[in-house]
Amino acid sequence: MDSNKQIIALCPNFYKIMNFVPMENDLVTEKIIKIYQEYIFRIDLNNPEDVESVKNVDFIIGKYIDDYIFRKAFQKQILEVRIRKDVKDILKELVKSIIKIFDKYEEDTTKVIYISHWI
């Protein structure tokens, strides 16, 4: 099977993401979609870490497309990302930052529910 077809098979949100039309002047969303596209087609399918990160990024960007509240929070956070100059693979570091932003968002928005006991 062609490697591009294998990659697309790993990404159930691929067509939804690629066909998404951002609002006018939404440069952040355009850049995020370009980063997504560049990253997924650049990975090594034999590296399980790369395959897992592609699945994660696909899920995250799919949520970005579907969830307006997450999109706004994500856009604020992504503009604050700083990448060191000595990094060899800027795209991979950016993807790691995207995953960290999502993890932090999930942690902050997930509420802990305690079951109270009646006295």
N, C-alpha and C. Protein backbone atom coordinates (compact mmCIF):
# COMPACT_ATOMS: atom_id res chain seq x y z
N MET A 1 0.85 -1.19 0.00
CA MET A 1 0.00 0.00 0.00
C MET A 1 0.89 1.24 0.00
N ASP A 2 0.46 2.24 -0.71
CA ASP A 2 1.17 3.51 -0.78
C ASP A 2 1.25 4.14 0.62
N SER A 3 2.40 4.75 0.95
CA SER A 3 2.58 5.31 2.30
C SER A 3 1.58 6.44 2.58
N ASN A 4 1.25 7.24 1.56
CA ASN A 4 0.27 8.31 1.78
C ASN A 4 -1.10 7.73 2.14
N LYS A 5 -1.48 6.63 1.51
CA LYS A 5 -2.75 5.99 1.83
C LYS A 5 -2.73 5.42 3.24
N GLN A 6 -1.58 4.89 3.66
CA GLN A 6 -1.45 4.36 5.02
C GLN A 6 -1.58 5.49 6.03
N ILE A 7 -0.98 6.63 5.72
CA ILE A 7 -1.05 7.78 6.63
C ILE A 7 -2.48 8.28 6.74
N ILE A 8 -3.16 8.40 5.61
CA ILE A 8 -4.55 8.87 5.62
C ILE A 8 -5.44 7.87 6.37
N ALA A 9 -5.11 6.58 6.29
CA ALA A 9 -5.87 5.57 7.04
C ALA A 9 -5.71 5.76 8.54
N LEU A 10 -4.56 6.30 8.96
CA LEU A 10 -4.32 6.57 10.39
C LEU A 10 -5.07 7.82 10.86
N CYS A 11 -5.50 8.64 9.92
CA CYS A 11 -6.09 9.95 10.23
C CYS A 11 -7.56 10.01 9.81
N PRO A 12 -8.47 9.60 10.69
CA PRO A 12 -9.89 9.61 10.31
C PRO A 12 -10.45 11.02 10.07
N ASN A 13 -9.79 12.04 10.59
CA ASN A 13 -10.27 13.42 10.42
C ASN A 13 -9.61 14.15 9.26
N PHE A 14 -8.80 13.46 8.48
CA PHE A 14 -8.00 14.11 7.44
C PHE A 14 -8.85 14.95 6.49
N TYR A 15 -9.87 14.36 5.90
CA TYR A 15 -10.66 15.09 4.90
C TYR A 15 -11.47 16.23 5.53
N LYS A 16 -11.94 16.02 6.74
CA LYS A 16 -12.66 17.09 7.44
C LYS A 16 -11.72 18.28 7.67
N ILE A 17 -10.50 18.00 8.06
CA ILE A 17 -9.52 19.06 8.33
C ILE A 17 -9.12 19.75 7.04
N MET A 18 -8.83 18.99 6.01
CA MET A 18 -8.35 19.57 4.76
C MET A 18 -9.46 20.37 4.04
N ASN A 19 -10.71 19.99 4.25
CA ASN A 19 -11.83 20.68 3.59
C ASN A 19 -12.40 21.82 4.42
N PHE A 20 -11.86 22.01 5.63
CA PHE A 20 -12.36 23.08 6.50
C PHE A 20 -11.99 24.44 5.91
N VAL A 21 -12.97 25.32 5.87
CA VAL A 21 -12.75 26.68 5.36
C VAL A 21 -12.76 27.62 6.55
N PRO A 22 -11.57 28.15 6.92
CA PRO A 22 -11.53 29.06 8.07
C PRO A 22 -12.21 30.39 7.75
N MET A 23 -12.58 31.09 8.81
CA MET A 23 -13.19 32.40 8.61
C MET A 23 -12.17 33.32 7.95
N GLU A 24 -12.66 34.35 7.33
CA GLU A 24 -11.79 35.31 6.66
C GLU A 24 -10.82 35.93 7.67
N ASN A 25 -9.58 36.07 7.28
CA ASN A 25 -8.49 36.63 8.10
C ASN A 25 -8.10 35.75 9.29
N ASP A 26 -8.48 34.48 9.27
CA ASP A 26 -8.07 33.55 10.33
C ASP A 26 -6.79 32.86 9.90
N LEU A 27 -5.69 33.57 10.04
CA LEU A 27 -4.40 33.06 9.60
C LEU A 27 -3.88 31.93 10.49
N VAL A 28 -4.26 31.94 11.74
CA VAL A 28 -3.81 30.89 12.67
C VAL A 28 -4.34 29.53 12.22
N THR A 29 -5.61 29.46 11.88
CA THR A 29 -6.19 28.19 11.44
C THR A 29 -5.55 27.73 10.14
N GLU A 30 -5.31 28.64 9.23
CA GLU A 30 -4.66 28.27 7.98
C GLU A 30 -3.28 27.67 8.24
N LYS A 31 -2.52 28.29 9.12
CA LYS A 31 -1.18 27.79 9.45
C LYS A 31 -1.25 26.43 10.14
N ILE A 32 -2.19 26.26 11.04
CA ILE A 32 -2.33 24.99 11.75
C ILE A 32 -2.64 23.86 10.78
N ILE A 33 -3.50 24.12 9.83
CA ILE A 33 -3.83 23.11 8.82
C ILE A 33 -2.60 22.80 7.96
N LYS A 34 -1.82 23.80 7.60
CA LYS A 34 -0.59 23.56 6.83
C LYS A 34 0.42 22.75 7.63
N ILE A 35 0.56 23.07 8.91
CA ILE A 35 1.47 22.32 9.78
C ILE A 35 1.03 20.86 9.87
N TYR A 36 -0.27 20.66 10.06
CA TYR A 36 -0.84 19.31 10.12
C TYR A 36 -0.49 18.54 8.85
N GLN A 37 -0.75 19.14 7.71
CA GLN A 37 -0.52 18.46 6.44
C GLN A 37 0.96 18.15 6.23
N GLU A 38 1.82 19.11 6.51
CA GLU A 38 3.26 18.87 6.36
C GLU A 38 3.73 17.76 7.28
N TYR A 39 3.27 17.80 8.52
CA TYR A 39 3.77 16.85 9.51
C TYR A 39 3.34 15.42 9.21
N ILE A 40 2.07 15.21 8.91
CA ILE A 40 1.61 13.83 8.76
C ILE A 40 2.24 13.13 7.56
N PHE A 41 2.54 13.87 6.50
CA PHE A 41 3.11 13.23 5.33
C PHE A 41 4.64 13.12 5.40
N ARG A 42 5.21 13.54 6.50
CA ARG A 42 6.65 13.51 6.67
C ARG A 42 7.12 12.44 7.64
N ILE A 43 6.21 11.76 8.29
CA ILE A 43 6.60 10.82 9.33
C ILE A 43 7.14 9.51 8.75
N ASP A 44 7.79 8.75 9.62
CA ASP A 44 8.27 7.42 9.30
C ASP A 44 7.24 6.42 9.82
N LEU A 45 6.59 5.70 8.91
CA LEU A 45 5.54 4.77 9.31
C LEU A 45 6.08 3.59 10.11
N ASN A 46 7.38 3.36 10.06
CA ASN A 46 7.98 2.26 10.82
C ASN A 46 8.32 2.66 12.25
N ASN A 47 8.20 3.95 12.56
CA ASN A 47 8.48 4.44 13.91
C ASN A 47 7.16 4.54 14.68
N PRO A 48 6.96 3.68 15.70
CA PRO A 48 5.68 3.71 16.43
C PRO A 48 5.41 5.04 17.12
N GLU A 49 6.45 5.73 17.53
CA GLU A 49 6.27 7.04 18.18
C GLU A 49 5.69 8.06 17.19
N ASP A 50 6.19 8.05 15.96
CA ASP A 50 5.66 8.95 14.92
C ASP A 50 4.21 8.62 14.59
N VAL A 51 3.91 7.33 14.49
CA VAL A 51 2.55 6.90 14.17
C VAL A 51 1.58 7.36 15.27
N GLU A 52 1.99 7.20 16.53
CA GLU A 52 1.15 7.62 17.65
C GLU A 52 0.95 9.13 17.65
N SER A 53 2.01 9.89 17.35
CA SER A 53 1.88 11.35 17.35
C SER A 53 0.97 11.81 16.21
N VAL A 54 0.99 11.13 15.08
CA VAL A 54 0.08 11.48 13.98
C VAL A 54 -1.37 11.23 14.38
N LYS A 55 -1.62 10.13 15.06
CA LYS A 55 -2.98 9.85 15.52
C LYS A 55 -3.44 10.93 16.50
N ASN A 56 -2.54 11.32 17.41
CA ASN A 56 -2.87 12.36 18.38
C ASN A 56 -3.15 13.69 17.71
N VAL A 57 -2.28 14.08 16.79
CA VAL A 57 -2.43 15.36 16.10
C VAL A 57 -3.72 15.37 15.29
N ASP A 58 -4.03 14.27 14.64
CA ASP A 58 -5.27 14.19 13.87
C ASP A 58 -6.48 14.39 14.78
N PHE A 59 -6.47 13.73 15.93
CA PHE A 59 -7.57 13.88 16.87
C PHE A 59 -7.68 15.33 17.37
N ILE A 60 -6.53 15.92 17.72
CA ILE A 60 -6.51 17.28 18.26
C ILE A 60 -7.00 18.30 17.24
N ILE A 61 -6.48 18.22 16.02
CA ILE A 61 -6.89 19.18 14.99
C ILE A 61 -8.35 18.93 14.60
N GLY A 62 -8.80 17.70 14.64
CA GLY A 62 -10.22 17.41 14.42
C GLY A 62 -11.09 18.08 15.47
N LYS A 63 -10.66 18.02 16.72
CA LYS A 63 -11.38 18.70 17.80
C LYS A 63 -11.31 20.21 17.60
N TYR A 64 -10.17 20.70 17.15
CA TYR A 64 -10.00 22.12 16.86
C TYR A 64 -11.04 22.59 15.84
N ILE A 65 -11.26 21.79 14.82
CA ILE A 65 -12.22 22.13 13.77
C ILE A 65 -13.65 22.09 14.32
N ASP A 66 -13.96 21.10 15.15
CA ASP A 66 -15.33 20.89 15.63
C ASP A 66 -15.73 21.78 16.80
N ASP A 67 -14.78 22.11 17.67
CA ASP A 67 -15.10 22.75 18.95
C ASP A 67 -14.65 24.21 18.95
N TYR A 68 -15.60 25.12 18.86
CA TYR A 68 -15.29 26.55 18.79
C TYR A 68 -14.58 27.04 20.05
N ILE A 69 -15.01 26.57 21.21
CA ILE A 69 -14.40 27.02 22.47
C ILE A 69 -12.95 26.57 22.55
N PHE A 70 -12.70 25.31 22.17
CA PHE A 70 -11.32 24.81 22.14
C PHE A 70 -10.49 25.60 21.13
N ARG A 71 -11.07 25.91 19.98
CA ARG A 71 -10.34 26.65 18.94
C ARG A 71 -9.87 28.00 19.47
N LYS A 72 -10.74 28.72 20.15
CA LYS A 72 -10.36 30.04 20.68
C LYS A 72 -9.27 29.91 21.74
N ALA A 73 -9.41 28.95 22.64
CA ALA A 73 -8.39 28.74 23.68
C ALA A 73 -7.07 28.31 23.05
N PHE A 74 -7.15 27.45 22.06
CA PHE A 74 -5.95 26.95 21.37
C PHE A 74 -5.22 28.08 20.66
N GLN A 75 -5.98 28.94 19.98
CA GLN A 75 -5.36 30.05 19.25
C GLN A 75 -4.60 30.98 20.18
N LYS A 76 -5.12 31.22 21.37
CA LYS A 76 -4.41 32.06 22.33
C LYS A 76 -3.12 31.39 22.78
N GLN A 77 -3.18 30.10 23.04
CA GLN A 77 -2.02 29.37 23.54
C GLN A 77 -0.94 29.18 22.47
N ILE A 78 -1.34 28.91 21.24
CA ILE A 78 -0.36 28.62 20.19
C ILE A 78 0.49 29.85 19.86
N LEU A 79 -0.09 31.03 20.05
CA LEU A 79 0.67 32.26 19.78
C LEU A 79 1.75 32.50 20.83
N GLU A 80 1.65 31.83 21.97
CA GLU A 80 2.64 31.99 23.03
C GLU A 80 3.74 30.94 22.98
N VAL A 81 3.68 30.01 22.03
CA VAL A 81 4.67 28.94 21.93
C VAL A 81 6.00 29.52 21.46
N ARG A 82 7.04 29.14 22.16
CA ARG A 82 8.40 29.54 21.79
C ARG A 82 9.23 28.29 21.53
N ILE A 83 9.96 28.30 20.44
CA ILE A 83 10.82 27.17 20.10
C ILE A 83 12.26 27.65 20.07
N ARG A 84 13.12 26.90 20.75
CA ARG A 84 14.53 27.28 20.84
C ARG A 84 15.19 27.25 19.46
N LYS A 85 16.21 28.05 19.30
CA LYS A 85 16.90 28.13 18.01
C LYS A 85 17.75 26.90 17.73
N ASP A 86 18.17 26.18 18.77
CA ASP A 86 19.04 25.03 18.56
C ASP A 86 18.28 23.74 18.23
N VAL A 87 16.96 23.81 18.09
CA VAL A 87 16.16 22.63 17.76
C VAL A 87 16.38 22.27 16.30
N LYS A 88 16.60 20.98 16.06
CA LYS A 88 16.87 20.52 14.69
C LYS A 88 15.60 20.36 13.86
N ASP A 89 14.54 19.90 14.50
CA ASP A 89 13.29 19.66 13.78
C ASP A 89 12.20 20.56 14.35
N ILE A 90 12.04 21.72 13.75
CA ILE A 90 11.09 22.72 14.24
C ILE A 90 9.65 22.21 14.15
N LEU A 91 9.34 21.53 13.07
CA LEU A 91 7.97 21.04 12.87
C LEU A 91 7.59 20.03 13.96
N LYS A 92 8.50 19.14 14.30
CA LYS A 92 8.22 18.15 15.34
C LYS A 92 8.03 18.82 16.70
N GLU A 93 8.83 19.83 16.99
CA GLU A 93 8.70 20.57 18.25
C GLU A 93 7.36 21.31 18.30
N LEU A 94 6.95 21.85 17.17
CA LEU A 94 5.66 22.54 17.10
C LEU A 94 4.51 21.57 17.35
N VAL A 95 4.62 20.37 16.81
CA VAL A 95 3.59 19.35 17.03
C VAL A 95 3.56 18.93 18.50
N LYS A 96 4.72 18.81 19.11
CA LYS A 96 4.78 18.50 20.55
C LYS A 96 4.08 19.60 21.35
N SER A 97 4.27 20.85 20.95
CA SER A 97 3.61 21.97 21.62
C SER A 97 2.10 21.90 21.45
N ILE A 98 1.64 21.51 20.28
CA ILE A 98 0.21 21.36 20.02
C ILE A 98 -0.37 20.30 20.95
N ILE A 99 0.33 19.20 21.10
CA ILE A 99 -0.14 18.12 21.98
C ILE A 99 -0.16 18.58 23.43
N LYS A 100 0.86 19.34 23.85
CA LYS A 100 0.90 19.86 25.23
C LYS A 100 -0.25 20.82 25.48
N ILE A 101 -0.55 21.68 24.51
CA ILE A 101 -1.66 22.63 24.66
C ILE A 101 -2.98 21.87 24.84
N PHE A 102 -3.17 20.84 24.04
CA PHE A 102 -4.39 20.04 24.16
C PHE A 102 -4.47 19.35 25.52
N ASP A 103 -3.36 18.75 25.94
CA ASP A 103 -3.35 18.07 27.24
C ASP A 103 -3.69 19.04 28.37
N LYS A 104 -3.13 20.22 28.32
CA LYS A 104 -3.40 21.23 29.35
C LYS A 104 -4.87 21.65 29.30
N TYR A 105 -5.40 21.84 28.11
CA TYR A 105 -6.81 22.21 27.95
C TYR A 105 -7.71 21.12 28.54
N GLU A 106 -7.43 19.87 28.23
CA GLU A 106 -8.22 18.76 28.75
C GLU A 106 -8.14 18.72 30.27
N GLU A 107 -6.95 18.92 30.79
CA GLU A 107 -6.76 18.90 32.25
C GLU A 107 -7.54 20.03 32.92
N ASP A 108 -7.52 21.21 32.32
CA ASP A 108 -8.19 22.36 32.90
C ASP A 108 -9.71 22.29 32.78
N THR A 109 -10.21 21.67 31.73
CA THR A 109 -11.66 21.67 31.53
C THR A 109 -12.35 20.44 32.09
N THR A 110 -11.59 19.41 32.38
CA THR A 110 -12.18 18.21 32.95
C THR A 110 -12.36 18.43 34.45
N LYS A 111 -13.58 18.30 34.88
CA LYS A 111 -13.88 18.54 36.29
C LYS A 111 -13.86 17.22 37.05
N VAL A 112 -13.36 17.28 38.24
CA VAL A 112 -13.37 16.12 39.11
C VAL A 112 -14.71 16.10 39.83
N ILE A 113 -15.37 14.99 39.74
CA ILE A 113 -16.68 14.86 40.36
C ILE A 113 -16.53 13.96 41.59
N TYR A 114 -16.91 14.50 42.70
CA TYR A 114 -16.87 13.73 43.94
C TYR A 114 -18.27 13.24 44.26
N ILE A 115 -18.35 12.02 44.71
CA ILE A 115 -19.64 11.47 45.13
C ILE A 115 -19.77 11.77 46.63
N SER A 116 -20.78 12.52 46.95
CA SER A 116 -20.97 12.87 48.36
C SER A 116 -21.67 11.74 49.09
N HIS A 117 -21.38 11.64 50.35
CA HIS A 117 -22.00 10.63 51.19
C HIS A 117 -23.00 11.32 52.12
N TRP A 118 -24.14 10.73 52.22
CA TRP A 118 -25.14 11.28 53.13
C TRP A 118 -24.80 10.86 54.55
N ILE A 119 -24.93 11.78 55.43
CA ILE A 119 -24.61 11.49 56.83
C ILE A 119 -25.84 10.99 57.53
